[in-house]
Protein backbone atom coordinates (compact mmCIF):
# COMPACT_ATOMS: atom_id res chain seq x y z
CA UNK A 1 21.43 61.31 13.94
CA UNK A 2 22.09 58.40 11.64
CA UNK A 3 25.34 58.09 9.70
CA UNK A 4 24.26 58.13 6.06
CA UNK A 5 27.13 55.89 4.97
CA UNK A 6 26.92 54.52 1.46
CA UNK A 7 23.95 53.01 -0.35
CA UNK A 8 23.48 49.70 -2.08
CA UNK A 9 20.68 50.56 -4.43
CA UNK A 10 18.13 48.53 -6.34
CA UNK A 11 18.58 50.01 -9.80
CA UNK A 12 16.11 47.82 -11.65
CA UNK A 13 12.86 49.27 -12.95
CA UNK A 14 11.38 45.81 -13.44
CA UNK A 15 8.27 44.83 -11.54
CA UNK A 16 7.69 41.41 -10.02
CA UNK A 17 4.80 38.96 -9.83
CA UNK A 18 4.02 36.72 -6.91
CA UNK A 19 1.58 34.01 -7.91
CA UNK A 20 -0.51 31.76 -5.74
CA UNK A 21 1.43 28.69 -4.64
CA UNK A 22 -0.01 25.19 -4.28
CA UNK A 23 -2.12 24.91 -1.15
CA UNK A 24 -2.55 21.11 -1.30
CA UNK A 25 0.75 20.51 0.45
CA UNK A 26 -0.06 22.65 3.48
CA UNK A 27 -0.37 20.73 6.72
CA UNK A 28 -3.45 20.90 8.91
CA UNK A 29 -1.35 22.66 11.56
CA UNK A 30 -0.24 25.41 9.18
CA UNK A 31 -3.79 25.88 7.89
CA UNK A 32 -5.23 26.23 11.37
CA UNK A 33 -2.56 28.79 12.33
CA UNK A 34 -3.49 30.93 9.32
CA UNK A 35 -7.17 30.59 10.14
CA UNK A 36 -6.49 32.13 13.56
CA UNK A 37 -5.43 35.35 11.84
CA UNK A 38 -9.00 35.91 10.61
CA UNK A 39 -10.20 36.25 14.21
CA UNK A 40 -9.51 39.29 16.42
CA UNK A 41 -6.09 39.32 18.10
CA UNK A 42 -5.20 40.83 21.46
CA UNK A 43 -3.91 44.36 20.92
CA UNK A 44 -0.74 44.61 22.96
CA UNK A 45 0.85 47.86 21.74
CA UNK A 46 4.14 49.50 22.64
CA UNK A 47 2.86 53.00 23.43
CA UNK A 48 3.05 56.23 21.47
CA UNK A 49 6.01 57.45 19.46
CA UNK A 50 7.55 60.89 19.53
CA UNK A 51 6.28 63.31 16.90
CA UNK A 52 8.65 64.92 14.44
CA UNK A 53 11.18 64.10 11.76
CA UNK A 54 12.70 61.27 13.81
CA UNK A 55 10.90 58.56 15.75
CA UNK A 56 12.47 57.45 19.02
CA UNK A 57 12.41 53.76 19.84
CA UNK A 58 10.87 52.87 23.17
CA UNK A 59 12.74 50.55 25.50
CA UNK A 60 10.34 47.74 24.53
CA UNK A 61 10.85 48.15 20.78
CA UNK A 62 12.66 45.31 18.95
CA UNK A 63 16.32 45.85 18.08
CA UNK A 64 17.21 47.14 14.61
CA UNK A 65 19.47 44.84 12.60
CA UNK A 66 19.49 46.56 9.21
CA UNK A 67 18.60 49.98 7.79
CA UNK A 68 17.20 50.75 4.34
CA UNK A 69 16.50 54.12 2.72
CA UNK A 70 13.83 55.40 0.35
CA UNK A 71 14.11 58.64 -1.62
CA UNK A 72 10.64 60.04 -2.34
CA UNK A 73 9.47 62.32 -5.15
CA UNK A 74 6.11 64.05 -5.60
CA UNK A 75 5.27 64.93 -9.20
CA UNK A 76 8.93 64.38 -10.05
CA UNK A 77 10.24 66.74 -7.37
CA UNK A 78 12.43 65.23 -4.59
CA UNK A 79 10.91 65.77 -1.13
CA UNK A 80 13.37 63.88 1.06
CA UNK A 81 14.65 60.56 2.35
CA UNK A 82 13.06 58.02 4.68
CA UNK A 83 15.30 55.74 6.76
CA UNK A 84 13.72 52.50 7.96
CA UNK A 85 15.22 50.28 10.67
CA UNK A 86 14.28 46.61 10.23
CA UNK A 87 13.59 44.12 13.04
CA UNK A 88 15.64 41.23 11.67
CA UNK A 89 15.91 39.36 14.98
CA UNK A 90 12.25 39.63 15.96
CA UNK A 91 10.60 39.38 12.51
CA UNK A 92 13.24 37.59 10.40
CA UNK A 93 11.05 36.53 7.46
CA UNK A 94 9.23 39.84 7.03
CA UNK A 95 12.28 42.03 7.65
CA UNK A 96 14.50 40.13 5.23
CA UNK A 97 11.78 40.13 2.55
CA UNK A 98 11.40 43.92 2.89
CA UNK A 99 15.18 44.40 2.72
CA UNK A 100 15.45 42.29 -0.45
CA UNK A 101 12.74 44.35 -2.14
CA UNK A 102 14.36 47.60 -1.01
CA UNK A 103 17.69 46.70 -2.65
CA UNK A 104 16.03 45.29 -5.78
CA UNK A 105 17.34 41.76 -5.46
CA UNK A 106 17.09 39.84 -8.77
CA UNK A 107 15.66 42.90 -10.51
CA UNK A 108 12.50 43.08 -8.38
CA UNK A 109 12.03 45.91 -5.94
CA UNK A 110 10.37 49.06 -4.65
CA UNK A 111 12.15 51.48 -6.96
CA UNK A 112 9.61 53.57 -8.97
CA UNK A 113 6.69 52.11 -7.00
CA UNK A 114 3.91 54.53 -6.10
CA UNK A 115 2.11 55.33 -2.87
CA UNK A 116 -1.43 54.53 -3.94
CA UNK A 117 -3.51 55.12 -0.82
CA UNK A 118 -3.50 57.80 1.86
CA UNK A 119 -5.90 57.54 4.81
CA UNK A 120 -6.11 58.89 8.35
CA UNK A 121 -3.53 56.65 10.03
CA UNK A 122 -1.23 55.45 7.23
CA UNK A 123 0.11 55.71 3.70
CA UNK A 124 0.23 52.63 1.47
CA UNK A 125 2.60 51.63 -1.32
CA UNK A 126 1.41 49.37 -4.17
CA UNK A 127 4.40 47.04 -3.88
CA UNK A 128 5.37 44.70 -6.71
CA UNK A 129 2.61 43.70 -9.12
CA UNK A 130 4.01 42.17 -12.32
CA UNK A 131 7.09 40.23 -13.27
CA UNK A 132 8.52 39.57 -16.74
CA UNK A 133 12.11 38.50 -16.20
CA UNK A 134 13.24 35.04 -17.33
CA UNK A 135 12.42 32.46 -14.69
CA UNK A 136 8.92 33.68 -13.81
CA UNK A 137 7.64 32.88 -10.35
CA UNK A 138 10.60 30.55 -9.77
CA UNK A 139 12.79 33.65 -9.34
CA UNK A 140 10.20 35.31 -7.15
CA UNK A 141 10.05 32.24 -4.90
CA UNK A 142 13.71 32.75 -4.01
CA UNK A 143 12.77 35.74 -1.89
CA UNK A 144 12.56 35.19 1.85
CA UNK A 145 9.04 33.94 2.51
CA UNK A 146 8.51 32.59 -1.02
CA UNK A 147 6.13 33.86 -3.70
CA UNK A 148 3.06 34.37 -1.46
CA UNK A 149 2.29 35.94 1.91
CA UNK A 150 1.71 32.57 3.62
CA UNK A 151 4.92 32.52 5.66
CA UNK A 152 4.32 36.13 6.70
CA UNK A 153 0.97 35.05 8.16
CA UNK A 154 2.60 32.09 9.92
CA UNK A 155 5.19 34.44 11.42
CA UNK A 156 2.46 36.81 12.62
CA UNK A 157 0.63 34.00 14.39
CA UNK A 158 3.80 32.62 15.97
CA UNK A 159 4.89 36.01 17.33
CA UNK A 160 1.38 36.66 18.65
CA UNK A 161 1.42 33.34 20.49
CA UNK A 162 4.82 34.23 21.97
CA UNK A 163 3.62 37.69 22.98
CA UNK A 164 6.50 39.23 20.97
CA UNK A 165 4.68 40.70 17.99
CA UNK A 166 5.39 44.41 17.25
CA UNK A 167 2.24 46.53 16.94
CA UNK A 168 1.35 49.51 14.76
CA UNK A 169 2.39 52.79 16.38
CA UNK A 170 3.39 56.03 14.67
CA UNK A 171 6.21 55.35 12.22
CA UNK A 172 5.69 51.58 11.98
CA UNK A 173 6.47 49.95 8.63
CA UNK A 174 4.49 46.80 7.81
CA UNK A 175 3.85 44.35 4.98
CA UNK A 176 0.26 43.47 4.03
CA UNK A 177 -0.25 39.75 4.71
CA UNK A 178 -4.04 39.35 4.76
CA UNK A 179 -6.96 40.91 2.90
CA UNK A 180 -10.05 41.00 5.15
CA UNK A 181 -12.25 42.26 2.27
CA UNK A 182 -11.36 39.36 -0.03
CA UNK A 183 -14.57 37.49 -0.99
CA UNK A 184 -14.75 33.72 -0.40
CA UNK A 185 -14.17 31.36 -3.35
CA UNK A 186 -17.07 30.76 -5.74
CA UNK A 187 -18.12 27.30 -6.91
CA UNK A 188 -17.81 26.81 -10.66
CA UNK A 189 -18.70 23.87 -12.91
CA UNK A 190 -15.99 23.05 -15.48
CA UNK A 191 -15.31 20.25 -17.96
CA UNK A 192 -12.21 18.12 -17.39
CA UNK A 193 -11.40 15.01 -19.43
CA UNK A 194 -14.98 14.79 -20.62
CA UNK A 195 -16.38 15.04 -17.10
CA UNK A 196 -18.05 17.96 -15.34
CA UNK A 197 -16.40 18.76 -12.04
CA UNK A 198 -17.03 21.44 -9.42
CA UNK A 199 -14.07 23.67 -8.53
CA UNK A 200 -13.58 26.58 -6.14
CA UNK A 201 -12.59 29.73 -8.06
CA UNK A 202 -10.93 32.62 -6.25
CA UNK A 203 -12.53 36.00 -6.99
CA UNK A 204 -9.16 37.72 -6.62
CA UNK A 205 -5.71 36.62 -5.49
CA UNK A 206 -4.58 37.11 -1.89
CA UNK A 207 -1.92 39.72 -1.01
CA UNK A 208 1.50 38.77 -2.40
CA UNK A 209 3.38 40.11 0.61
CA UNK A 210 5.01 43.11 -1.10
CA UNK A 211 2.54 45.95 -0.45
CA UNK A 212 3.58 47.97 2.58
CA UNK A 213 2.27 50.70 4.82
CA UNK A 214 3.86 53.40 6.97
CA UNK A 215 1.72 54.61 9.87
CA UNK A 216 1.28 58.29 10.67
CA UNK A 217 -0.34 57.52 14.02
CA UNK A 218 -1.27 54.53 16.15
CA UNK A 219 -3.16 52.11 13.87
CA UNK A 220 -4.33 49.03 15.83
CA UNK A 221 -6.75 48.21 12.99
CA UNK A 222 -3.75 47.09 10.92
CA UNK A 223 -2.64 44.54 13.53
CA UNK A 224 -5.21 42.10 12.10
CA UNK A 225 -3.83 42.13 8.55
CA UNK A 226 -0.23 43.41 8.50
CA UNK A 227 3.09 42.28 9.94
CA UNK A 228 5.29 45.07 11.32
CA UNK A 229 8.82 44.62 9.99
CA UNK A 230 10.47 47.86 11.10
CA UNK A 231 10.25 51.49 12.11
CA UNK A 232 10.98 54.86 10.52
CA UNK A 233 14.10 56.11 12.30
CA UNK A 234 14.50 59.29 10.24
CA UNK A 235 12.30 61.08 7.75
CA UNK A 236 8.88 61.19 9.43
CA UNK A 237 8.63 64.73 8.07
CA UNK A 238 8.70 63.16 4.58
CA UNK A 239 6.03 60.65 5.59
CA UNK A 240 3.87 63.51 6.90
CA UNK A 241 4.45 65.42 3.64
CA UNK A 242 3.08 62.42 1.71
CA UNK A 243 0.19 62.13 4.14
CA UNK A 244 -0.82 65.74 3.40
CA UNK A 245 -1.19 65.18 -0.36
CA UNK A 246 -4.82 65.66 -1.48
CA UNK A 247 -6.68 62.46 -2.33
CA UNK A 248 -9.84 61.31 -4.09
CA UNK A 249 -12.63 61.52 -1.51
CA UNK A 250 -14.19 58.27 -0.38
CA UNK A 251 -17.86 58.03 -1.38
CA UNK A 252 -18.96 54.69 0.02
CA UNK A 253 -21.89 56.30 1.84
CA UNK A 254 -23.57 57.22 -1.45
CA UNK A 255 -26.76 55.17 -1.97
CA UNK A 256 -25.90 54.89 -5.69
CA UNK A 257 -22.52 53.37 -4.86
CA UNK A 258 -24.00 51.00 -2.28
CA UNK A 259 -26.63 49.70 -4.72
CA UNK A 260 -24.05 49.33 -7.51
CA UNK A 261 -21.74 47.34 -5.23
CA UNK A 262 -24.63 45.20 -3.98
CA UNK A 263 -25.58 44.12 -7.51
CA UNK A 264 -21.97 43.56 -8.51
CA UNK A 265 -21.67 46.50 -10.90
CA UNK A 266 -18.05 46.59 -12.11
CA UNK A 267 -18.11 50.39 -12.08
CA UNK A 268 -18.46 50.30 -8.30
CA UNK A 269 -15.36 48.11 -8.04
CA UNK A 270 -13.39 50.53 -10.23
CA UNK A 271 -14.62 53.52 -8.23
CA UNK A 272 -13.75 51.90 -4.90
CA UNK A 273 -10.18 51.26 -6.04
CA UNK A 274 -9.84 54.98 -6.74
CA UNK A 275 -10.93 56.13 -3.29
CA UNK A 276 -8.15 57.74 -1.20
CA UNK A 277 -5.72 57.76 -4.13
CA UNK A 278 -3.44 60.84 -4.20
CA UNK A 279 -4.08 63.38 -6.96
CA UNK A 280 -0.31 63.80 -7.31
CA UNK A 281 2.12 61.06 -8.29
CA UNK A 282 4.07 60.02 -5.19
CA UNK A 283 6.76 57.41 -5.76
CA UNK A 284 10.02 55.96 -4.48
CA UNK A 285 12.65 57.38 -6.83
CA UNK A 286 15.55 55.44 -5.30
CA UNK A 287 15.98 52.90 -2.54
CA UNK A 288 18.54 50.53 -1.09
CA UNK A 289 20.37 49.39 2.01
CA UNK A 290 22.27 51.78 4.26
CA UNK A 291 25.79 50.45 4.77
């Protein structure tokens, strides 16, 4: 069992925004490393985890350097606490970023954030979406990894090359670093200083590196997009409780939906965002670092 100790909580209810940073200053080396992440990676794995309220670490699992907690409520009713051990030595950028969001550093954190998606192998939290405190993105950039997910991607590639990257097994906690469904930029003609110039316009921003997932089973499909930063060490019964909440059924096989999405109907986009959303409100009522 884990000594519950005392908590350092993130008490702020403020949300945070992570805006796209300037890409012009990226080196060719950094760009090529990120490009690698869009191609399939070798699935190494660490083997299965024990079922139940606690997840045992295998001998090959990274060492835990810090523990954070999350109290969860469903429709306002407390359902339990999740303890997450973070891999600070193996995944320093991702683990520290997750820890800072768990304690609510600078008023930005996971407190009051909802679990927005529940599928077969994982549950997903929306992370931090908007930010209104004085200082704007300058404050957000002070977080480990900056105001985008770029350094998370770099860390993923580096660990993969070193054959040290943790994989998604039951109870893994990971940050979303890449969006494989993100459309490519669209060319757009705009007027600048009396001259028409062609620019590349992003259809939607990339992940900001704050959304996270907790796996309920082995999920190798997430190895291509997420960076594992830790493991549930107590409270898998709470994770399973969330996983059993009823959700909006996915209807992507409907010919009406497929046609609507093909022609770019905005209603299809709205409908797709609603798939696999829980009918009940599931959120983190309190979170912080376990001391």
